[in-house]
N, C-alpha and C. Protein backbone atom coordinates (compact mmCIF):
# COMPACT_ATOMS: atom_id res chain seq x y z
N MET A 1 122.47 182.23 81.72
CA MET A 1 122.19 182.81 83.03
C MET A 1 121.45 184.12 82.87
N THR A 2 120.34 184.28 83.58
CA THR A 2 119.59 185.51 83.49
C THR A 2 120.41 186.68 84.00
N SER A 3 120.20 187.86 83.37
CA SER A 3 120.94 189.04 83.79
C SER A 3 120.37 189.63 85.07
N ASN A 4 119.09 189.36 85.34
CA ASN A 4 118.47 189.85 86.57
C ASN A 4 118.58 188.78 87.65
N ARG A 5 119.42 189.03 88.61
CA ARG A 5 119.61 188.04 89.66
C ARG A 5 119.15 188.56 91.02
N HIS A 6 118.34 189.59 91.01
CA HIS A 6 117.81 190.15 92.25
C HIS A 6 116.86 189.15 92.90
N VAL A 7 117.04 188.93 94.19
CA VAL A 7 116.27 187.94 94.94
C VAL A 7 115.56 188.62 96.10
N VAL A 8 114.31 188.23 96.32
CA VAL A 8 113.56 188.67 97.49
C VAL A 8 113.47 187.49 98.45
N LEU A 9 113.90 187.72 99.68
CA LEU A 9 113.84 186.69 100.71
C LEU A 9 112.79 187.07 101.73
N PHE A 10 111.78 186.22 101.88
CA PHE A 10 110.78 186.40 102.92
C PHE A 10 111.40 185.90 104.22
N TYR A 11 111.43 186.76 105.22
CA TYR A 11 112.45 186.61 106.26
C TYR A 11 111.96 186.91 107.66
N ASN A 12 112.49 186.16 108.59
CA ASN A 12 112.47 186.50 110.00
C ASN A 12 113.78 186.00 110.58
N PRO A 13 114.53 186.83 111.31
CA PRO A 13 115.85 186.42 111.79
C PRO A 13 115.82 185.29 112.80
N SER A 14 114.65 185.02 113.39
CA SER A 14 114.54 183.93 114.36
C SER A 14 114.01 182.65 113.73
N SER A 15 114.17 182.53 112.44
CA SER A 15 113.67 181.36 111.73
C SER A 15 114.79 180.72 110.91
N ARG A 16 114.45 179.63 110.23
CA ARG A 16 115.43 178.97 109.36
C ARG A 16 115.86 179.87 108.20
N ALA A 17 115.12 180.94 107.95
CA ALA A 17 115.50 181.87 106.89
C ALA A 17 116.82 182.57 107.19
N ALA A 18 117.23 182.58 108.46
CA ALA A 18 118.51 183.23 108.82
C ALA A 18 119.68 182.59 108.07
N GLY A 19 119.62 181.29 107.88
CA GLY A 19 120.68 180.62 107.14
C GLY A 19 120.72 181.03 105.68
N VAL A 20 119.55 181.29 105.10
CA VAL A 20 119.50 181.72 103.70
C VAL A 20 120.14 183.10 103.57
N ARG A 21 119.91 183.97 104.54
CA ARG A 21 120.56 185.28 104.48
C ARG A 21 122.08 185.13 104.54
N ILE A 22 122.56 184.24 105.37
CA ILE A 22 124.01 184.00 105.43
C ILE A 22 124.52 183.51 104.07
N LEU A 23 123.78 182.61 103.44
CA LEU A 23 124.18 182.15 102.11
C LEU A 23 124.21 183.30 101.11
N LEU A 24 123.21 184.17 101.14
CA LEU A 24 123.18 185.32 100.23
C LEU A 24 124.39 186.21 100.45
N GLU A 25 124.82 186.34 101.70
CA GLU A 25 126.03 187.11 101.98
C GLU A 25 127.27 186.39 101.45
N GLU A 26 127.30 185.08 101.60
CA GLU A 26 128.43 184.29 101.03
C GLU A 26 128.51 184.48 99.52
N LEU A 27 127.36 184.58 98.88
CA LEU A 27 127.30 184.69 97.43
C LEU A 27 127.49 186.12 96.94
N ASN A 28 127.54 187.07 97.89
CA ASN A 28 127.58 188.49 97.53
C ASN A 28 126.42 188.82 96.59
N ALA A 29 125.25 188.32 96.96
CA ALA A 29 124.07 188.39 96.08
C ALA A 29 123.38 189.75 96.19
N ASP A 30 122.63 190.04 95.16
CA ASP A 30 121.75 191.21 95.12
C ASP A 30 120.41 190.75 95.69
N TYR A 31 120.10 191.19 96.91
CA TYR A 31 118.87 190.70 97.54
C TYR A 31 118.23 191.76 98.42
N GLU A 32 116.95 191.54 98.69
CA GLU A 32 116.22 192.37 99.63
C GLU A 32 115.39 191.47 100.52
N LEU A 33 115.03 191.99 101.67
CA LEU A 33 114.23 191.24 102.62
C LEU A 33 112.78 191.72 102.64
N GLN A 34 111.89 190.79 102.75
CA GLN A 34 110.51 191.08 103.11
C GLN A 34 110.32 190.45 104.49
N VAL A 35 110.41 191.29 105.52
CA VAL A 35 110.40 190.77 106.89
C VAL A 35 108.98 190.45 107.32
N LEU A 36 108.81 189.24 107.84
CA LEU A 36 107.51 188.80 108.33
C LEU A 36 107.56 188.67 109.85
N SER A 37 106.54 189.13 110.52
CA SER A 37 106.43 188.96 111.96
C SER A 37 105.72 187.64 112.23
N LEU A 38 106.43 186.71 112.84
CA LEU A 38 105.81 185.43 113.16
C LEU A 38 104.81 185.59 114.29
N GLN A 39 105.11 186.52 115.20
CA GLN A 39 104.19 186.76 116.32
C GLN A 39 102.85 187.31 115.81
N ALA A 40 102.91 188.14 114.76
CA ALA A 40 101.68 188.71 114.20
C ALA A 40 101.00 187.78 113.21
N GLY A 41 101.62 186.62 112.95
CA GLY A 41 101.02 185.66 112.05
C GLY A 41 101.12 186.04 110.58
N ASP A 42 102.15 186.83 110.23
CA ASP A 42 102.27 187.30 108.84
C ASP A 42 102.37 186.15 107.84
N SER A 43 103.00 185.05 108.27
CA SER A 43 103.18 183.93 107.33
C SER A 43 101.88 183.17 107.06
N ARG A 44 100.84 183.47 107.82
CA ARG A 44 99.55 182.80 107.62
C ARG A 44 98.51 183.72 106.99
N LYS A 45 98.94 184.93 106.64
CA LYS A 45 98.02 185.88 106.05
C LYS A 45 97.85 185.61 104.55
N PRO A 46 96.71 185.99 103.97
CA PRO A 46 96.43 185.68 102.57
C PRO A 46 97.51 186.16 101.61
N GLU A 47 98.11 187.32 101.90
CA GLU A 47 99.12 187.88 100.99
C GLU A 47 100.31 186.93 100.84
N PHE A 48 100.74 186.34 101.97
CA PHE A 48 101.88 185.43 101.89
C PHE A 48 101.45 184.05 101.43
N LEU A 49 100.28 183.60 101.84
CA LEU A 49 99.80 182.28 101.41
C LEU A 49 99.60 182.22 99.90
N ALA A 50 99.37 183.37 99.28
CA ALA A 50 99.27 183.40 97.82
C ALA A 50 100.62 183.12 97.18
N ILE A 51 101.70 183.37 97.91
CA ILE A 51 103.05 183.11 97.41
C ILE A 51 103.49 181.70 97.78
N ASN A 52 103.31 181.35 99.04
CA ASN A 52 103.63 180.00 99.51
C ASN A 52 102.46 179.46 100.32
N PRO A 53 101.63 178.63 99.72
CA PRO A 53 100.43 178.13 100.41
C PRO A 53 100.74 177.36 101.69
N MET A 54 102.00 176.89 101.85
CA MET A 54 102.36 176.20 103.07
C MET A 54 102.57 177.16 104.24
N GLY A 55 102.68 178.46 103.92
CA GLY A 55 102.87 179.45 104.98
C GLY A 55 104.19 179.32 105.70
N LYS A 56 105.23 178.93 104.97
CA LYS A 56 106.53 178.68 105.61
C LYS A 56 107.59 179.63 105.07
N ILE A 57 108.52 179.98 105.96
CA ILE A 57 109.75 180.63 105.53
C ILE A 57 110.91 179.73 105.98
N PRO A 58 112.00 179.76 105.20
CA PRO A 58 112.32 180.66 104.09
C PRO A 58 111.52 180.36 102.82
N THR A 59 111.27 181.44 102.11
CA THR A 59 110.72 181.42 100.76
C THR A 59 111.44 182.53 100.01
N ILE A 60 111.76 182.29 98.74
CA ILE A 60 112.38 183.33 97.93
C ILE A 60 111.59 183.54 96.65
N LYS A 61 111.74 184.75 96.10
CA LYS A 61 111.24 185.06 94.77
C LYS A 61 112.40 185.59 93.95
N HIS A 62 112.52 185.07 92.74
CA HIS A 62 113.51 185.55 91.77
C HIS A 62 112.73 185.85 90.50
N GLY A 63 112.44 187.13 90.30
CA GLY A 63 111.53 187.47 89.21
C GLY A 63 110.17 186.88 89.51
N ASP A 64 109.65 186.09 88.57
CA ASP A 64 108.35 185.44 88.77
C ASP A 64 108.48 184.05 89.39
N VAL A 65 109.70 183.64 89.65
CA VAL A 65 109.94 182.30 90.18
C VAL A 65 109.89 182.32 91.70
N VAL A 66 109.08 181.43 92.26
CA VAL A 66 109.02 181.24 93.71
C VAL A 66 109.69 179.92 94.04
N VAL A 67 110.58 179.94 95.02
CA VAL A 67 111.24 178.71 95.47
C VAL A 67 111.02 178.57 96.96
N THR A 68 110.56 177.40 97.37
CA THR A 68 110.37 177.07 98.77
C THR A 68 111.20 175.82 99.08
N GLU A 69 111.22 175.44 100.33
CA GLU A 69 111.94 174.27 100.85
C GLU A 69 113.44 174.59 100.91
N GLN A 70 114.00 174.39 102.09
CA GLN A 70 115.36 174.85 102.34
C GLN A 70 116.39 174.35 101.33
N ALA A 71 116.43 173.05 101.12
CA ALA A 71 117.46 172.52 100.22
C ALA A 71 117.31 173.08 98.82
N ALA A 72 116.07 173.20 98.34
CA ALA A 72 115.84 173.75 97.00
C ALA A 72 116.31 175.20 96.93
N ILE A 73 116.04 175.97 97.97
CA ILE A 73 116.46 177.38 97.99
C ILE A 73 117.98 177.49 97.95
N TYR A 74 118.65 176.71 98.77
CA TYR A 74 120.12 176.76 98.81
C TYR A 74 120.71 176.37 97.46
N MET A 75 120.20 175.31 96.86
CA MET A 75 120.75 174.88 95.58
C MET A 75 120.44 175.89 94.48
N TYR A 76 119.24 176.44 94.50
CA TYR A 76 118.87 177.42 93.48
C TYR A 76 119.78 178.64 93.55
N LEU A 77 119.96 179.17 94.76
CA LEU A 77 120.78 180.39 94.91
C LEU A 77 122.24 180.13 94.57
N ALA A 78 122.77 178.99 94.99
CA ALA A 78 124.18 178.70 94.71
C ALA A 78 124.42 178.55 93.22
N GLU A 79 123.43 178.07 92.48
CA GLU A 79 123.58 177.97 91.03
C GLU A 79 123.29 179.29 90.34
N LEU A 80 122.40 180.09 90.91
CA LEU A 80 122.13 181.42 90.34
C LEU A 80 123.39 182.28 90.40
N TYR A 81 124.15 182.14 91.48
CA TYR A 81 125.42 182.86 91.65
C TYR A 81 126.58 181.86 91.59
N SER A 82 126.64 181.16 90.47
CA SER A 82 127.60 180.06 90.34
C SER A 82 129.05 180.50 90.41
N GLU A 83 129.31 181.79 90.10
CA GLU A 83 130.69 182.27 90.12
C GLU A 83 131.30 182.23 91.52
N ALA A 84 130.44 182.15 92.55
CA ALA A 84 130.95 182.07 93.92
C ALA A 84 131.55 180.70 94.23
N GLY A 85 131.27 179.72 93.41
CA GLY A 85 131.86 178.39 93.58
C GLY A 85 131.29 177.58 94.72
N LEU A 86 130.07 177.87 95.15
CA LEU A 86 129.48 177.13 96.26
C LEU A 86 128.60 175.98 95.82
N SER A 87 128.51 175.75 94.51
CA SER A 87 127.73 174.65 93.98
C SER A 87 128.59 173.86 93.00
N PRO A 88 129.01 172.64 93.34
CA PRO A 88 129.80 171.85 92.40
C PRO A 88 129.06 171.67 91.07
N ALA A 89 129.77 171.87 89.99
CA ALA A 89 129.15 171.81 88.67
C ALA A 89 128.80 170.39 88.28
N VAL A 90 127.85 170.27 87.36
CA VAL A 90 127.53 168.97 86.79
C VAL A 90 128.81 168.38 86.17
N GLY A 91 129.11 167.15 86.50
CA GLY A 91 130.33 166.52 86.03
C GLY A 91 131.43 166.51 87.06
N SER A 92 131.33 167.38 88.06
CA SER A 92 132.31 167.40 89.14
C SER A 92 132.13 166.16 90.01
N PRO A 93 133.23 165.56 90.50
CA PRO A 93 133.09 164.41 91.39
C PRO A 93 132.42 164.77 92.72
N LEU A 94 132.35 166.06 93.02
CA LEU A 94 131.69 166.49 94.25
C LEU A 94 130.19 166.72 94.08
N ARG A 95 129.72 166.68 92.83
CA ARG A 95 128.31 166.99 92.58
C ARG A 95 127.37 166.01 93.28
N GLY A 96 127.65 164.73 93.15
CA GLY A 96 126.81 163.72 93.78
C GLY A 96 126.79 163.84 95.30
N PRO A 97 127.97 163.90 95.96
CA PRO A 97 127.96 164.09 97.41
C PRO A 97 127.26 165.37 97.85
N TYR A 98 127.44 166.43 97.08
CA TYR A 98 126.78 167.71 97.40
C TYR A 98 125.26 167.54 97.40
N LEU A 99 124.72 166.94 96.35
CA LEU A 99 123.29 166.73 96.28
C LEU A 99 122.81 165.78 97.38
N ARG A 100 123.61 164.78 97.65
CA ARG A 100 123.26 163.82 98.71
C ARG A 100 123.07 164.53 100.04
N TRP A 101 124.03 165.37 100.42
CA TRP A 101 123.95 165.98 101.74
C TRP A 101 122.95 167.13 101.79
N MET A 102 122.69 167.75 100.67
CA MET A 102 121.61 168.73 100.64
C MET A 102 120.27 168.05 100.91
N VAL A 103 120.02 166.94 100.26
CA VAL A 103 118.74 166.26 100.40
C VAL A 103 118.66 165.49 101.72
N PHE A 104 119.77 165.00 102.21
CA PHE A 104 119.82 164.28 103.48
C PHE A 104 119.25 165.15 104.61
N TYR A 105 119.49 166.44 104.52
CA TYR A 105 119.02 167.35 105.56
C TYR A 105 117.49 167.26 105.72
N GLY A 106 116.78 167.42 104.62
CA GLY A 106 115.32 167.43 104.70
C GLY A 106 114.69 166.06 104.77
N SER A 107 115.35 165.06 104.18
CA SER A 107 114.73 163.73 104.11
C SER A 107 115.06 162.86 105.31
N CYS A 108 116.18 163.15 105.98
CA CYS A 108 116.59 162.32 107.12
C CYS A 108 116.75 163.12 108.42
N PHE A 109 117.56 164.18 108.37
CA PHE A 109 117.91 164.89 109.59
C PHE A 109 116.69 165.51 110.28
N GLU A 110 115.95 166.36 109.56
CA GLU A 110 114.82 167.04 110.20
C GLU A 110 113.71 166.07 110.62
N PRO A 111 113.34 165.08 109.80
CA PRO A 111 112.33 164.13 110.28
C PRO A 111 112.78 163.38 111.54
N ALA A 112 114.04 162.98 111.58
CA ALA A 112 114.55 162.29 112.76
C ALA A 112 114.53 163.21 113.97
N LEU A 113 114.90 164.45 113.75
CA LEU A 113 114.93 165.44 114.83
C LEU A 113 113.53 165.68 115.40
N MET A 114 112.57 165.85 114.51
CA MET A 114 111.21 166.12 114.96
C MET A 114 110.61 164.92 115.68
N ASP A 115 110.85 163.72 115.16
CA ASP A 115 110.34 162.53 115.83
C ASP A 115 110.94 162.40 117.23
N ARG A 116 112.24 162.66 117.34
CA ARG A 116 112.90 162.56 118.65
C ARG A 116 112.38 163.63 119.61
N SER A 117 112.28 164.86 119.14
CA SER A 117 111.87 165.95 120.03
C SER A 117 110.41 165.82 120.46
N MET A 118 109.56 165.27 119.58
CA MET A 118 108.14 165.10 119.90
C MET A 118 107.85 163.76 120.59
N LYS A 119 108.94 162.98 120.80
CA LYS A 119 108.82 161.68 121.46
C LYS A 119 107.84 160.74 120.74
N HIS A 120 107.92 160.79 119.41
CA HIS A 120 107.09 159.87 118.63
C HIS A 120 107.60 158.44 118.80
N GLU A 121 106.70 157.52 118.77
CA GLU A 121 107.08 156.11 118.91
C GLU A 121 107.91 155.68 117.71
N SER A 122 109.00 154.98 117.99
CA SER A 122 109.88 154.53 116.92
C SER A 122 109.18 153.49 116.06
N VAL A 123 109.53 153.49 114.78
CA VAL A 123 109.01 152.47 113.86
C VAL A 123 110.18 151.64 113.36
N ALA A 124 109.88 150.56 112.72
CA ALA A 124 110.94 149.70 112.19
C ALA A 124 111.79 150.50 111.21
N PRO A 125 113.13 150.39 111.28
CA PRO A 125 114.00 151.15 110.39
C PRO A 125 113.65 151.02 108.92
N GLY A 126 113.15 149.86 108.53
CA GLY A 126 112.82 149.65 107.13
C GLY A 126 111.63 150.45 106.65
N THR A 127 110.82 150.96 107.58
CA THR A 127 109.66 151.76 107.19
C THR A 127 109.85 153.24 107.51
N SER A 128 111.02 153.60 108.04
CA SER A 128 111.30 154.99 108.39
C SER A 128 112.14 155.64 107.29
N PRO A 129 111.88 156.91 106.95
CA PRO A 129 112.67 157.56 105.92
C PRO A 129 114.14 157.76 106.30
N TYR A 130 114.42 157.70 107.60
CA TYR A 130 115.81 157.93 108.06
C TYR A 130 116.39 156.73 108.80
N GLY A 131 115.69 155.62 108.83
CA GLY A 131 116.18 154.46 109.57
C GLY A 131 115.91 154.63 111.04
N ASP A 132 116.91 155.07 111.78
CA ASP A 132 116.73 155.42 113.19
C ASP A 132 117.65 156.59 113.51
N PHE A 133 117.35 157.30 114.59
CA PHE A 133 118.03 158.54 114.93
C PHE A 133 119.53 158.33 115.09
N ASP A 134 119.93 157.31 115.81
CA ASP A 134 121.35 157.11 116.08
C ASP A 134 122.14 156.83 114.81
N THR A 135 121.56 156.03 113.91
CA THR A 135 122.25 155.75 112.65
C THR A 135 122.36 157.01 111.81
N MET A 136 121.29 157.79 111.77
CA MET A 136 121.31 159.06 111.03
C MET A 136 122.42 159.96 111.55
N LEU A 137 122.50 160.12 112.88
CA LEU A 137 123.47 161.04 113.46
C LEU A 137 124.90 160.52 113.29
N THR A 138 125.08 159.21 113.44
CA THR A 138 126.42 158.62 113.24
C THR A 138 126.89 158.82 111.81
N THR A 139 125.99 158.66 110.85
CA THR A 139 126.32 158.86 109.44
C THR A 139 126.79 160.29 109.21
N LEU A 140 126.08 161.25 109.79
CA LEU A 140 126.46 162.66 109.66
C LEU A 140 127.81 162.93 110.31
N LYS A 141 128.01 162.44 111.51
CA LYS A 141 129.28 162.70 112.22
C LYS A 141 130.46 162.09 111.49
N GLN A 142 130.27 160.93 110.91
CA GLN A 142 131.35 160.31 110.14
C GLN A 142 131.74 161.18 108.96
N GLN A 143 130.76 161.80 108.33
CA GLN A 143 131.05 162.69 107.20
C GLN A 143 131.78 163.94 107.69
N LEU A 144 131.33 164.51 108.79
CA LEU A 144 131.96 165.73 109.31
C LEU A 144 133.39 165.48 109.76
N SER A 145 133.68 164.27 110.21
CA SER A 145 135.02 163.96 110.71
C SER A 145 136.07 163.99 109.61
N LYS A 146 135.62 163.93 108.34
CA LYS A 146 136.55 163.99 107.22
C LYS A 146 137.02 165.41 106.98
N GLY A 147 136.28 166.39 107.41
CA GLY A 147 136.49 167.84 107.39
C GLY A 147 137.58 168.36 106.46
N PRO A 148 137.79 169.68 106.54
CA PRO A 148 137.14 170.62 107.46
C PRO A 148 135.68 170.91 107.13
N TRP A 149 135.29 170.65 105.88
CA TRP A 149 133.91 170.93 105.45
C TRP A 149 133.20 169.64 105.15
N LEU A 150 131.93 169.74 104.86
CA LEU A 150 131.12 168.56 104.62
C LEU A 150 131.66 167.74 103.47
N LEU A 151 132.21 168.42 102.46
CA LEU A 151 132.79 167.73 101.30
C LEU A 151 134.31 167.80 101.32
N GLY A 152 134.87 167.70 102.50
CA GLY A 152 136.32 167.71 102.61
C GLY A 152 136.89 169.12 102.60
N ASP A 153 137.77 169.40 101.66
CA ASP A 153 138.43 170.70 101.61
C ASP A 153 137.60 171.77 100.92
N THR A 154 136.48 171.40 100.31
CA THR A 154 135.69 172.34 99.52
C THR A 154 134.48 172.83 100.29
N PHE A 155 134.42 174.14 100.53
CA PHE A 155 133.27 174.77 101.18
C PHE A 155 132.18 174.97 100.14
N THR A 156 130.95 174.58 100.48
CA THR A 156 129.81 174.72 99.56
C THR A 156 128.61 175.28 100.30
N ALA A 157 127.55 175.51 99.55
CA ALA A 157 126.30 175.97 100.15
C ALA A 157 125.78 174.98 101.18
N ALA A 158 126.11 173.71 101.02
CA ALA A 158 125.67 172.70 101.99
C ALA A 158 126.22 173.00 103.39
N ASP A 159 127.40 173.60 103.45
CA ASP A 159 127.98 173.93 104.75
C ASP A 159 127.23 175.06 105.44
N VAL A 160 126.68 175.98 104.66
CA VAL A 160 125.86 177.03 105.26
C VAL A 160 124.60 176.41 105.85
N LEU A 161 123.97 175.53 105.10
CA LEU A 161 122.77 174.85 105.56
C LEU A 161 123.04 174.06 106.83
N TRP A 162 124.06 173.21 106.79
CA TRP A 162 124.32 172.32 107.92
C TRP A 162 124.95 173.06 109.09
N GLY A 163 125.81 174.01 108.83
CA GLY A 163 126.45 174.74 109.93
C GLY A 163 125.45 175.51 110.76
N THR A 164 124.53 176.19 110.08
CA THR A 164 123.53 176.96 110.81
C THR A 164 122.52 176.04 111.49
N ALA A 165 122.15 174.95 110.83
CA ALA A 165 121.19 174.02 111.42
C ALA A 165 121.75 173.35 112.67
N LEU A 166 123.00 172.93 112.60
CA LEU A 166 123.61 172.28 113.75
C LEU A 166 123.82 173.26 114.90
N ALA A 167 124.05 174.53 114.58
CA ALA A 167 124.22 175.53 115.63
C ALA A 167 122.95 175.66 116.46
N TRP A 168 121.79 175.75 115.78
CA TRP A 168 120.57 175.93 116.58
C TRP A 168 120.09 174.63 117.20
N THR A 169 120.31 173.51 116.53
CA THR A 169 119.83 172.25 117.11
C THR A 169 120.67 171.83 118.32
N THR A 170 121.96 172.10 118.30
CA THR A 170 122.76 171.82 119.49
C THR A 170 122.48 172.86 120.57
N GLY A 171 122.21 174.10 120.16
CA GLY A 171 121.90 175.14 121.13
C GLY A 171 120.64 174.82 121.92
N PHE A 172 119.66 174.19 121.27
CA PHE A 172 118.42 173.79 121.94
C PHE A 172 118.50 172.37 122.50
N LYS A 173 119.70 171.78 122.48
CA LYS A 173 119.93 170.44 123.02
C LYS A 173 119.12 169.37 122.30
N LEU A 174 118.81 169.63 121.03
CA LEU A 174 118.11 168.63 120.24
C LEU A 174 119.08 167.62 119.62
N VAL A 175 120.33 168.07 119.45
CA VAL A 175 121.40 167.22 118.93
C VAL A 175 122.57 167.30 119.91
N PRO A 176 123.15 166.18 120.29
CA PRO A 176 124.31 166.22 121.19
C PRO A 176 125.50 166.93 120.52
N GLU A 177 126.18 167.76 121.29
CA GLU A 177 127.31 168.52 120.74
C GLU A 177 128.59 167.68 120.85
N SER A 178 128.79 166.80 119.89
CA SER A 178 129.99 165.97 119.86
C SER A 178 131.18 166.82 119.43
N PRO A 179 132.41 166.36 119.64
CA PRO A 179 133.59 167.15 119.25
C PRO A 179 133.61 167.53 117.77
N GLU A 180 133.22 166.61 116.87
CA GLU A 180 133.27 166.93 115.45
C GLU A 180 132.19 167.94 115.06
N ILE A 181 131.03 167.83 115.71
CA ILE A 181 129.97 168.80 115.43
C ILE A 181 130.35 170.17 115.98
N LYS A 182 130.87 170.22 117.19
CA LYS A 182 131.28 171.49 117.80
C LYS A 182 132.33 172.19 116.95
N ALA A 183 133.34 171.45 116.51
CA ALA A 183 134.42 172.05 115.70
C ALA A 183 133.88 172.54 114.36
N TYR A 184 132.97 171.80 113.78
CA TYR A 184 132.38 172.19 112.49
C TYR A 184 131.59 173.48 112.64
N ILE A 185 130.77 173.57 113.67
CA ILE A 185 130.00 174.80 113.91
C ILE A 185 130.94 175.98 114.07
N GLU A 186 132.01 175.80 114.80
CA GLU A 186 132.96 176.89 115.02
C GLU A 186 133.59 177.36 113.72
N ARG A 187 133.89 176.44 112.83
CA ARG A 187 134.46 176.83 111.54
C ARG A 187 133.46 177.63 110.71
N VAL A 188 132.22 177.18 110.70
CA VAL A 188 131.19 177.92 109.95
C VAL A 188 130.97 179.29 110.58
N ASN A 189 130.92 179.35 111.90
CA ASN A 189 130.68 180.62 112.60
C ASN A 189 131.80 181.63 112.38
N ALA A 190 132.98 181.15 112.03
CA ALA A 190 134.12 182.05 111.84
C ALA A 190 134.14 182.70 110.47
N ARG A 191 133.22 182.35 109.60
CA ARG A 191 133.23 182.89 108.25
C ARG A 191 132.74 184.34 108.25
N PRO A 192 133.38 185.22 107.48
CA PRO A 192 132.99 186.63 107.45
C PRO A 192 131.54 186.86 107.04
N ALA A 193 131.01 186.03 106.14
CA ALA A 193 129.64 186.22 105.69
C ALA A 193 128.65 186.06 106.83
N LEU A 194 128.94 185.14 107.73
CA LEU A 194 128.05 184.95 108.87
C LEU A 194 128.09 186.16 109.78
N ALA A 195 129.28 186.72 109.99
CA ALA A 195 129.39 187.92 110.81
C ALA A 195 128.62 189.09 110.18
N ARG A 196 128.71 189.22 108.86
CA ARG A 196 127.98 190.30 108.18
C ARG A 196 126.48 190.12 108.35
N ALA A 197 126.00 188.90 108.18
CA ALA A 197 124.56 188.65 108.30
C ALA A 197 124.08 188.95 109.71
N ARG A 198 124.85 188.56 110.70
CA ARG A 198 124.44 188.81 112.09
C ARG A 198 124.45 190.30 112.41
N ALA A 199 125.42 191.02 111.86
CA ALA A 199 125.46 192.46 112.08
C ALA A 199 124.24 193.13 111.46
N LYS A 200 123.86 192.69 110.28
CA LYS A 200 122.68 193.26 109.63
C LYS A 200 121.40 192.89 110.38
N ASP A 201 121.36 191.69 110.94
CA ASP A 201 120.22 191.31 111.75
C ASP A 201 120.13 192.18 113.00
N ALA A 202 121.28 192.50 113.58
CA ALA A 202 121.29 193.37 114.76
C ALA A 202 120.77 194.76 114.40
N GLU A 203 121.14 195.25 113.23
CA GLU A 203 120.63 196.55 112.76
C GLU A 203 119.12 196.49 112.58
N LEU A 204 118.65 195.38 112.03
CA LEU A 204 117.22 195.20 111.82
C LEU A 204 116.47 195.22 113.15
N SER A 205 117.01 194.53 114.14
CA SER A 205 116.39 194.49 115.46
C SER A 205 116.39 195.87 116.11
N ALA A 206 117.49 196.61 115.92
CA ALA A 206 117.60 197.94 116.51
C ALA A 206 116.56 198.88 115.93
N LYS A 207 116.29 198.76 114.64
CA LYS A 207 115.29 199.62 114.00
C LYS A 207 113.89 199.35 114.53
N LYS A 208 113.65 198.07 114.89
CA LYS A 208 112.32 197.70 115.37
C LYS A 208 112.12 198.08 116.83
N ALA A 209 113.24 198.26 117.56
CA ALA A 209 113.15 198.51 119.01
C ALA A 209 112.54 199.88 119.30
């Protein structure tokens, strides 16, 4: 494990990067923010595109290493700060389910969400990366019903990813707020790390006002 674990998070509190900050708080990580104004188009400027040509946040830098894509960022950080216990180790029976639900987010949940919200025409389940929206959501709810966390009794970085994602997607009425989803969001929202991250975001907003 490298001795330098300082992380730079390219950040805007109104973006998916907010969940990464919550994870960094869960990990008690050494990190700093590079705040980007989405209104000013900072993520499309040459300086940032040289770091992430996709122009997307969250993006992190750890030394010379750049990591993009939400699931990759969450897994990288949880392993960088492995002592926090948010990443099941190789050989653990939870390792496979952990990787499954990390990747399920980007490969099934978000594509299904975007297709539904944009009213894209449905395709045959066999040619869709997620099958169909209802099957995707039922699969997720069945997993959450085993609770209290995505992997049962063990809280992991996957819960930060899914808890924050479900909070905003239900808030915007993109995902129905079923009882198991509502209860799961409430459990994630009750974690001290989330409160710390929100307090720091409030301080950030106050400084800009």
